[in-house]
Amino acid sequence: MRITKSFGVIAIAIFLSTGIARLFPMRSTALAVVDAATVTPNVTVEPQYDTTHVYVAPEDFDRFVASLVATFGGTTSKQGVFTVTPTPSSTMSQLVLTPVGSISVFGFKTPVPYPFGAERTGYLVADMDAAINAARMAGADVLVTPFNDPIGRDAIIQWPGGVNTQLYWHTTAPSYKALQTIPENRAYVSPDRAAAFVASYVAFSHGRVVSDDGHAPGIEIGKPGETYRRIRIESGFGKLVVFVTDGHLPYPYGREITGYEVPNLTDTLTKAKAAGVEILVAPYTAERTSAVVQFPGGYIAEIHSITEKPK
């Protein structure tokens, strides 16, 4: 009987390995991914409903929000104090809606319950239960199962490679203006987990790999004169850039979780500096003109212009 069971386990393992190999045939410079349309339901909404999650100290909260609006423009929701976790906690919370991306700001007055604070973004989904099932089918781990918040439901999932994302659903559907430009979610992963991460994310998001450059300019990650692998993905959740690196990154690379596209980088940085934003990486030009900044409260972001010509 034990031999029969062992044989059965081996047979299943061979079947799964063969099946996975057929779904994910590996090539040297490109990724083949699951046909998302036949694997998971599409739960995406639109990119303006996907927010970067920023945690700041309560004493920095107002200054940080003001610096965002001064730099990018836009509006804010009414500030309030809420419980946004499934266990007791208290946080200041405010939504900042800019033309280049939405930001959810949290200023916890109590210790932050695990694993909150490690999620990079919040994605609005059309159906929470369907989204959780889709995430599991795509190979993501559900770190925090769905729970109720004051205006809907939330959960936290983790993609292969350790990238955390919050999913949320509102009882009353929100209505935000379309963005002028779509921000980039910037994820750093290892070569060992890049294929699994991309396949999982694309299957869940019904996205597509728009480029996979194995020789992207290293200056983009603070390593001029070198190259690295950069994968760009687009979906109903917006843009995602995957930085496949060995982890030998100079500060602040890897700390910036969102890249914002602006019409004119020079003008934006002028506004930012007047609002107390620090320039951590001065503007440079590779495929576009970019800089890395730190807002009051500690939030680090990349800002770039695609159309602005370098000087």
C-alpha atoms as a PDB file:
ATOM      1  CA  MET A   1       0.000   0.000   0.000  1.00  0.00           C
ATOM      2  CA  ARG A   2       2.823   2.429   0.845  1.00  0.00           C
ATOM      3  CA  ILE A   3       4.476   1.677  -2.500  1.00  0.00           C
ATOM      4  CA  THR A   4       1.189   2.331  -4.298  1.00  0.00           C
ATOM      5  CA  LYS A   5       0.754   5.641  -2.478  1.00  0.00           C
ATOM      6  CA  SER A   6       4.322   6.675  -3.235  1.00  0.00           C
ATOM      7  CA  PHE A   7       3.872   5.792  -6.880  1.00  0.00           C
ATOM      8  CA  GLY A   8       0.688   7.834  -6.971  1.00  0.00           C
ATOM      9  CA  VAL A   9       2.423  10.844  -5.438  1.00  0.00           C
ATOM     10  CA  ILE A  10       5.287  10.552  -7.934  1.00  0.00           C
ATOM     11  CA  ALA A  11       2.849  10.246 -10.823  1.00  0.00           C
ATOM     12  CA  ILE A  12       0.966  13.354  -9.693  1.00  0.00           C
ATOM     13  CA  ALA A  13       4.224  15.257  -9.294  1.00  0.00           C
ATOM     14  CA  ILE A  14       5.308  14.273 -12.820  1.00  0.00           C
ATOM     15  CA  PHE A  15       1.925  15.278 -14.197  1.00  0.00           C
ATOM     16  CA  LEU A  16       2.012  18.649 -12.425  1.00  0.00           C
ATOM     17  CA  SER A  17       5.586  19.301 -13.493  1.00  0.00           C
ATOM     18  CA  THR A  18       4.775  18.457 -17.094  1.00  0.00           C
ATOM     19  CA  GLY A  19       1.624  20.549 -17.012  1.00  0.00           C
ATOM     20  CA  ILE A  20       3.418  23.526 -15.518  1.00  0.00           C
ATOM     21  CA  ALA A  21       6.212  23.191 -18.059  1.00  0.00           C
ATOM     22  CA  ARG A  22       3.630  23.348 -20.828  1.00  0.00           C
ATOM     23  CA  LEU A  23       1.997  26.391 -19.283  1.00  0.00           C
ATOM     24  CA  PHE A  24       5.300  28.151 -18.583  1.00  0.00           C
ATOM     25  CA  PRO A  25       7.841  27.152 -21.247  1.00  0.00           C
ATOM     26  CA  MET A  26      10.981  29.044 -20.263  1.00  0.00           C
ATOM     27  CA  ARG A  27      13.062  30.936 -22.781  1.00  0.00           C
ATOM     28  CA  SER A  28      16.238  32.905 -22.303  1.00  0.00           C
ATOM     29  CA  THR A  29      14.816  36.416 -22.720  1.00  0.00           C
ATOM     30  CA  ALA A  30      11.030  36.123 -22.634  1.00  0.00           C
ATOM     31  CA  LEU A  31       8.345  34.767 -20.344  1.00  0.00           C
ATOM     32  CA  ALA A  32       5.429  32.644 -21.445  1.00  0.00           C
ATOM     33  CA  VAL A  33       2.459  33.092 -19.120  1.00  0.00           C
ATOM     34  CA  VAL A  34      -0.862  31.473 -18.450  1.00  0.00           C
ATOM     35  CA  ASP A  35      -3.709  32.526 -20.717  1.00  0.00           C
ATOM     36  CA  ALA A  36      -5.356  34.562 -17.977  1.00  0.00           C
ATOM     37  CA  ALA A  37      -8.714  34.812 -19.742  1.00  0.00           C
ATOM     38  CA  THR A  38      -9.223  31.043 -19.384  1.00  0.00           C
ATOM     39  CA  VAL A  39      -7.782  30.682 -15.886  1.00  0.00           C
ATOM     40  CA  THR A  40      -9.202  33.379 -13.601  1.00  0.00           C
ATOM     41  CA  PRO A  41     -12.171  35.771 -13.611  1.00  0.00           C
ATOM     42  CA  ASN A  42     -11.322  39.369 -14.438  1.00  0.00           C
ATOM     43  CA  VAL A  43     -11.838  41.421 -11.262  1.00  0.00           C
ATOM     44  CA  THR A  44     -10.002  44.591 -12.352  1.00  0.00           C
ATOM     45  CA  VAL A  45     -11.740  47.974 -12.343  1.00  0.00           C
ATOM     46  CA  GLU A  46      -9.673  51.003 -13.476  1.00  0.00           C
ATOM     47  CA  PRO A  47      -6.241  52.356 -12.527  1.00  0.00           C
ATOM     48  CA  GLN A  48      -7.538  55.489 -10.752  1.00  0.00           C
ATOM     49  CA  TYR A  49      -8.958  53.204  -8.062  1.00  0.00           C
ATOM     50  CA  ASP A  50      -5.613  51.588  -7.326  1.00  0.00           C
ATOM     51  CA  THR A  51      -3.742  53.406  -4.589  1.00  0.00           C
ATOM     52  CA  THR A  52      -0.228  53.446  -3.242  1.00  0.00           C
ATOM     53  CA  HIS A  53      -0.341  52.807   0.509  1.00  0.00           C
ATOM     54  CA  VAL A  54       1.813  55.208   2.501  1.00  0.00           C
ATOM     55  CA  TYR A  55       2.286  54.973   6.267  1.00  0.00           C
ATOM     56  CA  VAL A  56       3.579  58.076   8.042  1.00  0.00           C
ATOM     57  CA  ALA A  57       3.818  59.213  11.650  1.00  0.00           C
ATOM     58  CA  PRO A  58       0.724  61.163  12.763  1.00  0.00           C
ATOM     59  CA  GLU A  59       2.822  64.283  13.312  1.00  0.00           C
ATOM     60  CA  ASP A  60       3.962  64.164   9.660  1.00  0.00           C
ATOM     61  CA  PHE A  61       0.523  63.385   8.238  1.00  0.00           C
ATOM     62  CA  ASP A  62      -0.730  66.844   7.254  1.00  0.00           C
ATOM     63  CA  ARG A  63       2.645  68.000   5.955  1.00  0.00           C
ATOM     64  CA  PHE A  64       2.969  64.898   3.805  1.00  0.00           C
ATOM     65  CA  VAL A  65      -0.516  65.249   2.295  1.00  0.00           C
ATOM     66  CA  ALA A  66       0.086  68.947   1.592  1.00  0.00           C
ATOM     67  CA  SER A  67       3.387  68.164  -0.141  1.00  0.00           C
ATOM     68  CA  LEU A  68       1.708  65.609  -2.416  1.00  0.00           C
ATOM     69  CA  VAL A  69      -0.938  68.076  -3.545  1.00  0.00           C
ATOM     70  CA  ALA A  70       1.632  70.858  -3.967  1.00  0.00           C
ATOM     71  CA  THR A  71       3.794  68.602  -6.127  1.00  0.00           C
ATOM     72  CA  PHE A  72       1.214  66.831  -8.280  1.00  0.00           C
ATOM     73  CA  GLY A  73      -2.020  68.788  -7.836  1.00  0.00           C
ATOM     74  CA  GLY A  74      -5.329  67.120  -7.088  1.00  0.00           C
ATOM     75  CA  THR A  75      -7.781  66.847  -4.224  1.00  0.00           C
ATOM     76  CA  THR A  76      -8.177  65.004  -0.927  1.00  0.00           C
ATOM     77  CA  SER A  77     -10.951  63.205   0.859  1.00  0.00           C
ATOM     78  CA  LYS A  78     -12.026  64.243   4.328  1.00  0.00           C
ATOM     79  CA  GLN A  79      -9.489  63.163   6.927  1.00  0.00           C
ATOM     80  CA  GLY A  80     -10.740  60.832   9.639  1.00  0.00           C
ATOM     81  CA  VAL A  81      -9.687  58.303  12.269  1.00  0.00           C
ATOM     82  CA  PHE A  82     -10.739  54.711  11.610  1.00  0.00           C
ATOM     83  CA  THR A  83     -10.098  51.046  12.288  1.00  0.00           C
ATOM     84  CA  VAL A  84      -8.911  49.603   8.969  1.00  0.00           C
ATOM     85  CA  THR A  85      -7.552  46.281  10.228  1.00  0.00           C
ATOM     86  CA  PRO A  86      -9.367  43.119  11.345  1.00  0.00           C
ATOM     87  CA  THR A  87      -7.977  43.483  14.868  1.00  0.00           C
ATOM     88  CA  PRO A  88      -8.270  46.572  17.120  1.00  0.00           C
ATOM     89  CA  SER A  89      -6.239  49.568  15.923  1.00  0.00           C
ATOM     90  CA  SER A  90      -6.665  53.256  15.199  1.00  0.00           C
ATOM     91  CA  THR A  91      -5.308  55.266  12.299  1.00  0.00           C
ATOM     92  CA  MET A  92      -5.670  58.634  10.688  1.00  0.00           C
ATOM     93  CA  SER A  93      -6.658  58.044   7.068  1.00  0.00           C
ATOM     94  CA  GLN A  94      -7.030  60.210   3.987  1.00  0.00           C
ATOM     95  CA  LEU A  95      -7.189  59.616   0.243  1.00  0.00           C
ATOM     96  CA  VAL A  96      -5.193  61.885  -2.067  1.00  0.00           C
ATOM     97  CA  LEU A  97      -6.435  61.940  -5.664  1.00  0.00           C
ATOM     98  CA  THR A  98      -3.811  63.423  -7.989  1.00  0.00           C
ATOM     99  CA  PRO A  99      -3.823  63.476 -11.798  1.00  0.00           C
ATOM    100  CA  VAL A 100      -0.859  61.082 -11.803  1.00  0.00           C
ATOM    101  CA  GLY A 101      -2.019  58.533  -9.239  1.00  0.00           C
ATOM    102  CA  SER A 102      -4.030  57.925  -6.081  1.00  0.00           C
ATOM    103  CA  ILE A 103      -2.445  57.616  -2.629  1.00  0.00           C
ATOM    104  CA  SER A 104      -3.980  56.201   0.551  1.00  0.00           C
ATOM    105  CA  VAL A 105      -2.297  57.782   3.569  1.00  0.00           C
ATOM    106  CA  PHE A 106      -2.287  56.164   7.016  1.00  0.00           C
ATOM    107  CA  GLY A 107      -1.030  57.647  10.272  1.00  0.00           C
ATOM    108  CA  PHE A 108      -1.461  54.982  12.942  1.00  0.00           C
ATOM    109  CA  LYS A 109      -2.108  56.177  16.475  1.00  0.00           C
ATOM    110  CA  THR A 110      -1.668  52.617  17.756  1.00  0.00           C
ATOM    111  CA  PRO A 111       0.936  49.988  16.874  1.00  0.00           C
ATOM    112  CA  VAL A 112       0.343  48.681  13.328  1.00  0.00           C
ATOM    113  CA  PRO A 113      -0.951  45.066  13.357  1.00  0.00           C
ATOM    114  CA  TYR A 114       1.009  42.585  11.221  1.00  0.00           C
ATOM    115  CA  PRO A 115       1.230  42.397   8.195  1.00  0.00           C
ATOM    116  CA  PHE A 116      -0.204  45.871   7.593  1.00  0.00           C
ATOM    117  CA  GLY A 117       2.346  48.446   6.564  1.00  0.00           C
ATOM    118  CA  ALA A 118       4.181  46.007   4.284  1.00  0.00           C
ATOM    119  CA  GLU A 119       1.601  46.120   1.482  1.00  0.00           C
ATOM    120  CA  ARG A 120       2.645  48.376  -1.389  1.00  0.00           C
ATOM    121  CA  THR A 121      -0.667  49.063  -3.082  1.00  0.00           C
ATOM    122  CA  GLY A 122      -4.403  48.657  -2.708  1.00  0.00           C
ATOM    123  CA  TYR A 123      -6.323  47.330  -5.723  1.00  0.00           C
ATOM    124  CA  LEU A 124     -10.070  47.884  -6.025  1.00  0.00           C
ATOM    125  CA  VAL A 125     -11.696  44.646  -7.187  1.00  0.00           C
ATOM    126  CA  ALA A 126     -15.128  44.097  -8.681  1.00  0.00           C
ATOM    127  CA  ASP A 127     -15.886  41.132  -6.399  1.00  0.00           C
ATOM    128  CA  MET A 128     -13.866  40.274  -3.296  1.00  0.00           C
ATOM    129  CA  ASP A 129     -14.686  36.574  -3.118  1.00  0.00           C
ATOM    130  CA  ALA A 130     -13.941  36.112  -6.819  1.00  0.00           C
ATOM    131  CA  ALA A 131     -10.700  38.065  -6.401  1.00  0.00           C
ATOM    132  CA  ILE A 132      -9.519  35.858  -3.529  1.00  0.00           C
ATOM    133  CA  ASN A 133     -10.295  32.724  -5.515  1.00  0.00           C
ATOM    134  CA  ALA A 134      -8.505  34.185  -8.540  1.00  0.00           C
ATOM    135  CA  ALA A 135      -5.467  35.100  -6.452  1.00  0.00           C
ATOM    136  CA  ARG A 136      -5.205  31.573  -5.093  1.00  0.00           C
ATOM    137  CA  MET A 137      -5.644  30.075  -8.557  1.00  0.00           C
ATOM    138  CA  ALA A 138      -2.840  32.319  -9.799  1.00  0.00           C
ATOM    139  CA  GLY A 139      -0.463  31.121  -7.087  1.00  0.00           C
ATOM    140  CA  ALA A 140      -0.695  34.031  -4.647  1.00  0.00           C
ATOM    141  CA  ASP A 141      -0.839  33.514  -0.890  1.00  0.00           C
ATOM    142  CA  VAL A 142      -3.705  35.026   1.111  1.00  0.00           C
ATOM    143  CA  LEU A 143      -1.968  36.593   4.112  1.00  0.00           C
ATOM    144  CA  VAL A 144      -5.090  38.276   5.525  1.00  0.00           C
ATOM    145  CA  THR A 145      -8.439  36.744   4.662  1.00  0.00           C
ATOM    146  CA  PRO A 146     -11.295  39.155   3.801  1.00  0.00           C
ATOM    147  CA  PHE A 147     -12.585  41.312   6.642  1.00  0.00           C
ATOM    148  CA  ASN A 148     -15.033  44.180   6.953  1.00  0.00           C
ATOM    149  CA  ASP A 149     -13.915  47.794   7.213  1.00  0.00           C
ATOM    150  CA  PRO A 150     -16.069  50.918   7.663  1.00  0.00           C
ATOM    151  CA  ILE A 151     -16.871  51.149   3.931  1.00  0.00           C
ATOM    152  CA  GLY A 152     -16.421  47.662   2.514  1.00  0.00           C
ATOM    153  CA  ARG A 153     -14.109  44.640   2.654  1.00  0.00           C
ATOM    154  CA  ASP A 154     -10.343  44.151   2.485  1.00  0.00           C
ATOM    155  CA  ALA A 155      -7.744  41.392   2.239  1.00  0.00           C
ATOM    156  CA  ILE A 156      -3.981  41.149   1.760  1.00  0.00           C
ATOM    157  CA  ILE A 157      -2.318  38.775  -0.677  1.00  0.00           C
ATOM    158  CA  GLN A 158       1.327  38.019  -1.409  1.00  0.00           C
ATOM    159  CA  TRP A 159       2.737  37.235  -4.828  1.00  0.00           C
ATOM    160  CA  PRO A 160       5.600  34.797  -5.356  1.00  0.00           C
ATOM    161  CA  GLY A 161       8.732  36.748  -4.513  1.00  0.00           C
ATOM    162  CA  GLY A 162       7.271  38.358  -1.395  1.00  0.00           C
ATOM    163  CA  VAL A 163       5.394  41.339  -2.877  1.00  0.00           C
ATOM    164  CA  ASN A 164       2.318  42.213  -0.794  1.00  0.00           C
ATOM    165  CA  THR A 165      -0.860  43.808  -2.196  1.00  0.00           C
ATOM    166  CA  GLN A 166      -4.092  44.805  -0.470  1.00  0.00           C
ATOM    167  CA  LEU A 167      -7.379  44.100  -2.223  1.00  0.00           C
ATOM    168  CA  TYR A 168     -10.425  46.167  -1.363  1.00  0.00           C
ATOM    169  CA  TRP A 169     -14.093  46.393  -2.279  1.00  0.00           C
ATOM    170  CA  HIS A 170     -16.526  49.203  -1.427  1.00  0.00           C
ATOM    171  CA  THR A 171     -20.148  48.679  -0.423  1.00  0.00           C
ATOM    172  CA  THR A 172     -20.977  51.804  -2.458  1.00  0.00           C
ATOM    173  CA  ALA A 173     -18.922  51.891  -5.643  1.00  0.00           C
ATOM    174  CA  PRO A 174     -16.537  54.882  -5.665  1.00  0.00           C
ATOM    175  CA  SER A 175     -16.344  57.333  -8.564  1.00  0.00           C
ATOM    176  CA  TYR A 176     -12.973  58.997  -9.284  1.00  0.00           C
ATOM    177  CA  LYS A 177     -11.786  60.972 -12.289  1.00  0.00           C
ATOM    178  CA  ALA A 178      -9.672  59.154 -14.844  1.00  0.00           C
ATOM    179  CA  LEU A 179      -5.952  59.763 -14.421  1.00  0.00           C
ATOM    180  CA  GLN A 180      -3.933  61.947 -16.779  1.00  0.00           C
ATOM    181  CA  THR A 181      -1.070  59.460 -16.582  1.00  0.00           C
ATOM    182  CA  ILE A 182      -0.934  55.950 -15.121  1.00  0.00           C
ATOM    183  CA  PRO A 183       1.604  55.441 -12.304  1.00  0.00           C
ATOM    184  CA  GLU A 184       3.957  52.463 -12.169  1.00  0.00           C
ATOM    185  CA  ASN A 185       3.923  49.950  -9.354  1.00  0.00           C
ATOM    186  CA  ARG A 186       7.646  49.163  -9.010  1.00  0.00           C
ATOM    187  CA  ALA A 187       8.464  45.672  -7.709  1.00  0.00           C
ATOM    188  CA  TYR A 188      11.973  44.338  -7.066  1.00  0.00           C
ATOM    189  CA  VAL A 189      12.299  40.548  -7.243  1.00  0.00           C
ATOM    190  CA  SER A 190      15.112  38.028  -7.457  1.00  0.00           C
ATOM    191  CA  PRO A 191      15.984  36.064 -10.615  1.00  0.00           C
ATOM    192  CA  ASP A 192      14.867  32.917  -8.762  1.00  0.00           C
ATOM    193  CA  ARG A 193      11.288  34.195  -8.362  1.00  0.00           C
ATOM    194  CA  ALA A 194      10.835  36.471 -11.374  1.00  0.00           C
ATOM    195  CA  ALA A 195       9.122  33.876 -13.597  1.00  0.00           C
ATOM    196  CA  ALA A 196       6.710  32.794 -10.861  1.00  0.00           C
ATOM    197  CA  PHE A 197       5.940  36.383  -9.883  1.00  0.00           C
ATOM    198  CA  VAL A 198       5.210  37.528 -13.432  1.00  0.00           C
ATOM    199  CA  ALA A 199       3.143  34.460 -14.304  1.00  0.00           C
ATOM    200  CA  SER A 200       1.089  34.789 -11.109  1.00  0.00           C
ATOM    201  CA  TYR A 201       0.505  38.528 -11.485  1.00  0.00           C
ATOM    202  CA  VAL A 202      -0.402  38.325 -15.173  1.00  0.00           C
ATOM    203  CA  ALA A 203      -2.827  35.458 -14.583  1.00  0.00           C
ATOM    204  CA  PHE A 204      -4.578  37.369 -11.790  1.00  0.00           C
ATOM    205  CA  SER A 205      -4.629  40.780 -13.480  1.00  0.00           C
ATOM    206  CA  HIS A 206      -5.410  39.567 -17.019  1.00  0.00           C
ATOM    207  CA  GLY A 207      -2.423  41.671 -17.999  1.00  0.00           C
ATOM    208  CA  ARG A 208       0.265  41.326 -20.604  1.00  0.00           C
ATOM    209  CA  VAL A 209       4.026  41.646 -20.696  1.00  0.00           C
ATOM    210  CA  VAL A 210       4.679  44.657 -22.931  1.00  0.00           C
ATOM    211  CA  SER A 211       8.476  44.426 -22.739  1.00  0.00           C
ATOM    212  CA  ASP A 212      11.139  42.176 -21.253  1.00  0.00           C
ATOM    213  CA  ASP A 213      14.568  43.765 -21.537  1.00  0.00           C
ATOM    214  CA  GLY A 214      17.465  41.686 -20.289  1.00  0.00           C
ATOM    215  CA  HIS A 215      19.900  44.552 -20.879  1.00  0.00           C
ATOM    216  CA  ALA A 216      18.126  47.577 -19.414  1.00  0.00           C
ATOM    217  CA  PRO A 217      20.449  50.447 -18.450  1.00  0.00           C
ATOM    218  CA  GLY A 218      21.771  49.963 -14.920  1.00  0.00           C
ATOM    219  CA  ILE A 219      21.598  53.684 -14.176  1.00  0.00           C
ATOM    220  CA  GLU A 220      17.868  53.106 -13.609  1.00  0.00           C
ATOM    221  CA  ILE A 221      18.733  51.212 -10.419  1.00  0.00           C
ATOM    222  CA  GLY A 222      21.761  53.257  -9.433  1.00  0.00           C
ATOM    223  CA  LYS A 223      24.340  51.110 -11.242  1.00  0.00           C
ATOM    224  CA  PRO A 224      25.573  53.103 -14.266  1.00  0.00           C
ATOM    225  CA  GLY A 225      27.678  51.146 -16.721  1.00  0.00           C
ATOM    226  CA  GLU A 226      25.883  47.892 -15.903  1.00  0.00           C
ATOM    227  CA  THR A 227      22.714  46.251 -17.185  1.00  0.00           C
ATOM    228  CA  TYR A 228      19.844  44.395 -15.526  1.00  0.00           C
ATOM    229  CA  ARG A 229      16.527  42.801 -16.488  1.00  0.00           C
ATOM    230  CA  ARG A 230      13.399  44.975 -16.560  1.00  0.00           C
ATOM    231  CA  ILE A 231       9.901  43.649 -17.291  1.00  0.00           C
ATOM    232  CA  ARG A 232       6.973  45.990 -17.969  1.00  0.00           C
ATOM    233  CA  ILE A 233       3.394  44.753 -17.498  1.00  0.00           C
ATOM    234  CA  GLU A 234       0.084  46.481 -18.196  1.00  0.00           C
ATOM    235  CA  SER A 235      -3.380  45.440 -17.020  1.00  0.00           C
ATOM    236  CA  GLY A 236      -6.662  46.820 -15.762  1.00  0.00           C
ATOM    237  CA  PHE A 237      -4.801  47.570 -12.527  1.00  0.00           C
ATOM    238  CA  GLY A 238      -2.467  49.905 -14.410  1.00  0.00           C
ATOM    239  CA  LYS A 239       1.285  49.575 -14.937  1.00  0.00           C
ATOM    240  CA  LEU A 240       3.756  47.342 -13.155  1.00  0.00           C
ATOM    241  CA  VAL A 241       7.529  47.379 -13.602  1.00  0.00           C
ATOM    242  CA  VAL A 242       9.471  44.356 -12.385  1.00  0.00           C
ATOM    243  CA  PHE A 243      13.137  44.946 -11.522  1.00  0.00           C
ATOM    244  CA  VAL A 244      14.962  41.616 -11.561  1.00  0.00           C
ATOM    245  CA  THR A 245      18.181  42.167  -9.596  1.00  0.00           C
ATOM    246  CA  ASP A 246      20.763  40.478  -7.420  1.00  0.00           C
ATOM    247  CA  GLY A 247      19.775  42.765  -4.553  1.00  0.00           C
ATOM    248  CA  HIS A 248      23.074  44.685  -4.641  1.00  0.00           C
ATOM    249  CA  LEU A 249      21.263  48.017  -4.762  1.00  0.00           C
ATOM    250  CA  PRO A 250      22.512  51.423  -3.643  1.00  0.00           C
ATOM    251  CA  TYR A 251      20.132  53.515  -1.555  1.00  0.00           C
ATOM    252  CA  PRO A 252      17.349  54.510  -2.279  1.00  0.00           C
ATOM    253  CA  TYR A 253      16.657  51.979  -5.039  1.00  0.00           C
ATOM    254  CA  GLY A 254      14.192  49.305  -3.980  1.00  0.00           C
ATOM    255  CA  ARG A 255      12.621  51.749  -1.509  1.00  0.00           C
ATOM    256  CA  GLU A 256      10.617  53.563  -4.178  1.00  0.00           C
ATOM    257  CA  ILE A 257       7.373  51.653  -4.670  1.00  0.00           C
ATOM    258  CA  THR A 258       5.695  53.898  -7.245  1.00  0.00           C
ATOM    259  CA  GLY A 259       6.850  55.826 -10.297  1.00  0.00           C
ATOM    260  CA  TYR A 260       4.831  58.877 -11.362  1.00  0.00           C
ATOM    261  CA  GLU A 261       4.767  60.198 -14.926  1.00  0.00           C
ATOM    262  CA  VAL A 262       4.557  63.993 -15.191  1.00  0.00           C
ATOM    263  CA  PRO A 263       4.500  66.274 -18.267  1.00  0.00           C
ATOM    264  CA  ASN A 264       7.572  68.239 -17.186  1.00  0.00           C
ATOM    265  CA  LEU A 265       9.996  66.844 -14.619  1.00  0.00           C
ATOM    266  CA  THR A 266      11.813  70.136 -14.085  1.00  0.00           C
ATOM    267  CA  ASP A 267       8.623  71.999 -13.206  1.00  0.00           C
ATOM    268  CA  THR A 268       7.430  69.186 -10.942  1.00  0.00           C
ATOM    269  CA  LEU A 269      10.704  69.061  -9.019  1.00  0.00           C
ATOM    270  CA  THR A 270      10.591  72.823  -8.551  1.00  0.00           C
ATOM    271  CA  LYS A 271       7.159  72.509  -6.943  1.00  0.00           C
ATOM    272  CA  ALA A 272       8.307  69.532  -4.908  1.00  0.00           C
ATOM    273  CA  LYS A 273      11.352  71.299  -3.438  1.00  0.00           C
ATOM    274  CA  ALA A 274       9.187  74.289  -2.485  1.00  0.00           C
ATOM    275  CA  ALA A 275       6.932  71.848  -0.592  1.00  0.00           C
ATOM    276  CA  GLY A 276       9.805  70.375   1.413  1.00  0.00           C
ATOM    277  CA  VAL A 277      10.493  67.352  -0.804  1.00  0.00           C
ATOM    278  CA  GLU A 278      14.121  66.173  -0.901  1.00  0.00           C
ATOM    279  CA  ILE A 279      15.775  65.150  -4.176  1.00  0.00           C
ATOM    280  CA  LEU A 280      17.569  61.862  -3.436  1.00  0.00           C
ATOM    281  CA  VAL A 281      18.622  61.092  -7.027  1.00  0.00           C
ATOM    282  CA  ALA A 282      19.134  64.069  -9.325  1.00  0.00           C
ATOM    283  CA  PRO A 283      17.495  63.937 -12.757  1.00  0.00           C
ATOM    284  CA  TYR A 284      19.203  61.614 -15.238  1.00  0.00           C
ATOM    285  CA  THR A 285      18.274  60.416 -18.692  1.00  0.00           C
ATOM    286  CA  ALA A 286      18.186  56.814 -19.890  1.00  0.00           C
ATOM    287  CA  GLU A 287      15.076  55.855 -21.843  1.00  0.00           C
ATOM    288  CA  ARG A 288      13.352  58.769 -20.130  1.00  0.00           C
ATOM    289  CA  THR A 289      14.218  61.567 -17.720  1.00  0.00           C
ATOM    290  CA  SER A 290      13.838  60.491 -14.090  1.00  0.00           C
ATOM    291  CA  ALA A 291      14.560  61.449 -10.498  1.00  0.00           C
ATOM    292  CA  VAL A 292      13.964  59.886  -7.075  1.00  0.00           C
ATOM    293  CA  VAL A 293      12.551  62.001  -4.258  1.00  0.00           C
ATOM    294  CA  GLN A 294      11.584  61.731  -0.597  1.00  0.00           C
ATOM    295  CA  PHE A 295       8.460  63.460   0.696  1.00  0.00           C
ATOM    296  CA  PRO A 296       8.039  64.775   4.246  1.00  0.00           C
ATOM    297  CA  GLY A 297       7.287  61.780   6.423  1.00  0.00           C
ATOM    298  CA  GLY A 298       9.691  59.498   4.542  1.00  0.00           C
ATOM    299  CA  TYR A 299       7.770  58.370   1.442  1.00  0.00           C
ATOM    300  CA  ILE A 300      10.197  57.700  -1.441  1.00  0.00           C
ATOM    301  CA  ALA A 301       9.000  57.849  -5.042  1.00  0.00           C
ATOM    302  CA  GLU A 302      10.346  57.926  -8.575  1.00  0.00           C
ATOM    303  CA  ILE A 303       9.136  60.732 -10.852  1.00  0.00           C
ATOM    304  CA  HIS A 304       9.723  60.724 -14.591  1.00  0.00           C
ATOM    305  CA  SER A 305       8.875  62.467 -17.819  1.00  0.00           C
ATOM    306  CA  ILE A 306       8.695  60.585 -21.097  1.00  0.00           C
ATOM    307  CA  THR A 307       8.182  63.561 -23.397  1.00  0.00           C
ATOM    308  CA  GLU A 308      10.527  66.101 -21.809  1.00  0.00           C
ATOM    309  CA  LYS A 309      13.820  66.385 -23.671  1.00  0.00           C
ATOM    310  CA  PRO A 310      17.006  66.201 -21.617  1.00  0.00           C
ATOM    311  CA  LYS A 311      18.950  69.445 -21.276  1.00  0.00           C
END
